[in-house]
Amino acid sequence: MSWISVFDVLGPNMIGPSSSHTAGAVSMARLARGLAVGKLKRVEFILYGSFARTYQGHGTDRALLGGIMGFRPDDRRIPDSFAIADRIGLEYSFVPDRTETDLHPNTADMVITSEDGRVMRIRGESLGGGKVRITRINEAEVDITGEYETIVVMHEDKPGAAAHITRCLSEAGANIAFMKLFRESRGSMACSVVELDGQIPAKAAEDIRNHPCVRDVMLLRR
């Protein structure tokens, strides 16, 4: 027997005409903002598939920009995203890519530059019904949905790094729902994604940072 939820029927609360092209676009850009470090200076959105074809008419551009500024899908400021970004000094651009077709049809790369010069390239997909996932951080393939409180740890692919992360969480009383480790190649940089039941203990995040293999710790809160 197949079951559906009220969410599947009604969809998310949102501003805009489409759960995939507006609500999903806001959510995936908001996740990307959580992964970026420091105040943002510039963001370039590279759009693929149906995003590339209809982003202006469906308001995907405003939705992505609103999400990168931290707005939620039902935020009434989304239609004014351009003016708000201009006012706070956030530079932005939209680049439709109609040549790469072997991707989910609602895909965007978000190239985020922080004021300290750090650049991150984050790929997101809008899956329908407002659900999303992040599939790439720089060169690391990942799978992040944002449905749980999540810690993302960038670290060297060396023995003991993953054990250090789980030990810090255990000592802080956190319960791990899921943990996945992704790496660019053996012995290079790796990305551990830990989804938790309950809130992220601040102490655990600080303890995780105190390891020579750890390069960055990012917190995605619900």
Foldseek 3Di string as FASTA:
>chain_A
DDDDDPLVVPFDQAPWDFLQLAQLLLVQLLVVLLVDDAAFQEKEKEWEAVCLVCNVVGVSVLRNLNSVVNDHRNDPCSVVSVVVCVVVNYHYYYHYDYPDHPDARGKIWMWIAHPVGDTWIWMKGRDGSSWIWIQDIHQKGDTGTLPAWKKKWKFFQDPPLVVQLVVLCVVVVWAWPDWDKIDNDHRGIIIIMTGTDDHDDPRSQVSSCPDPGTDDMGIRHD
